[in-house]
Amino acid sequence: DIEAQELPDGIPLAQWAVAWPLQHHAVATVIPGCRDIEQLEGNAAPGNLDLVSDTHPLAAPQAPRTAAG
């Protein structure tokens, strides 16, 4: 169960699901859907979350992000 094993306390699963792929160096953006203002605000919050420690088994090495040319 992902929620029991990986989800930090106080972080809703929906925010975690948006933030997790953003931690990977190959992901530039995530485009979630939303039906109302509450979901919109929840989807915007994960940009500042630090979910993966450097020692996590799924942590990918971070490469610098550059603008596509």
Protein backbone atom coordinates (compact mmCIF):
# COMPACT_ATOMS: atom_id res chain seq x y z
CA ASP A 1 0.00 0.00 0.00
CA ILE A 2 1.72 3.18 -1.24
CA GLU A 3 -0.15 5.42 1.17
CA ALA A 4 1.05 3.48 4.22
CA GLN A 5 4.67 3.06 3.06
CA GLU A 6 5.59 6.21 1.15
CA LEU A 7 3.16 9.03 1.94
CA PRO A 8 4.63 11.58 4.37
CA ASP A 9 2.35 12.60 7.23
CA GLY A 10 0.06 15.48 6.33
CA ILE A 11 0.49 15.17 2.55
CA PRO A 12 -2.70 14.23 0.66
CA LEU A 13 -2.26 11.34 -1.79
CA ALA A 14 -3.31 13.54 -4.74
CA GLN A 15 -0.54 16.07 -3.96
CA TRP A 16 2.00 13.28 -3.52
CA ALA A 17 0.98 11.82 -6.89
CA VAL A 18 1.69 15.15 -8.61
CA ALA A 19 4.92 15.84 -6.70
CA TRP A 20 6.52 12.38 -7.07
CA PRO A 21 7.20 12.52 -10.84
CA LEU A 22 8.44 16.12 -10.52
CA GLN A 23 11.30 14.78 -8.37
CA HIS A 24 12.68 12.90 -11.40
CA HIS A 25 15.23 14.77 -13.51
CA ALA A 26 13.58 13.70 -16.77
CA VAL A 27 10.17 15.16 -15.89
CA ALA A 28 9.70 18.84 -16.71
CA THR A 29 6.00 19.19 -15.93
CA VAL A 30 2.93 17.33 -14.73
CA ILE A 31 -0.51 18.27 -16.02
CA PRO A 32 -3.22 17.19 -13.56
CA GLY A 33 -6.91 17.75 -14.11
CA CYS A 34 -9.16 19.58 -11.69
CA ARG A 35 -12.89 20.10 -11.29
CA ASP A 36 -12.97 22.95 -8.82
CA ILE A 37 -10.87 25.60 -7.05
CA GLU A 38 -10.03 23.24 -4.17
CA GLN A 39 -8.51 20.71 -6.57
CA LEU A 40 -6.69 23.47 -8.46
CA GLU A 41 -5.10 24.75 -5.25
CA GLY A 42 -4.23 21.20 -4.18
CA ASN A 43 -2.60 20.49 -7.54
CA ALA A 44 -0.49 23.66 -7.31
CA ALA A 45 0.84 22.89 -3.82
CA PRO A 46 3.19 19.97 -4.66
CA GLY A 47 5.69 22.21 -6.46
CA ASN A 48 7.40 22.94 -3.15
CA LEU A 49 7.32 19.44 -1.65
CA ASP A 50 10.56 17.53 -1.13
CA LEU A 51 9.39 13.92 -1.09
CA VAL A 52 12.41 11.84 -1.99
CA SER A 53 15.58 11.69 0.06
CA ASP A 54 18.87 11.05 -1.72
CA THR A 55 19.00 7.60 -0.12
CA HIS A 56 15.52 6.48 -1.26
CA PRO A 57 15.79 3.40 -3.51
CA LEU A 58 13.74 5.08 -6.25
CA ALA A 59 15.60 8.39 -6.15
CA ALA A 60 17.09 9.18 -9.54
CA PRO A 61 20.27 11.19 -9.88
CA GLN A 62 19.35 14.79 -10.55
CA ALA A 63 20.64 16.37 -13.72
CA PRO A 64 20.48 20.12 -14.22
CA ARG A 65 17.33 21.21 -16.02
CA THR A 66 17.78 23.34 -19.09
CA ALA A 67 15.29 24.94 -21.41
CA ALA A 68 14.56 22.96 -24.54
CA GLY A 69 16.39 24.46 -27.46
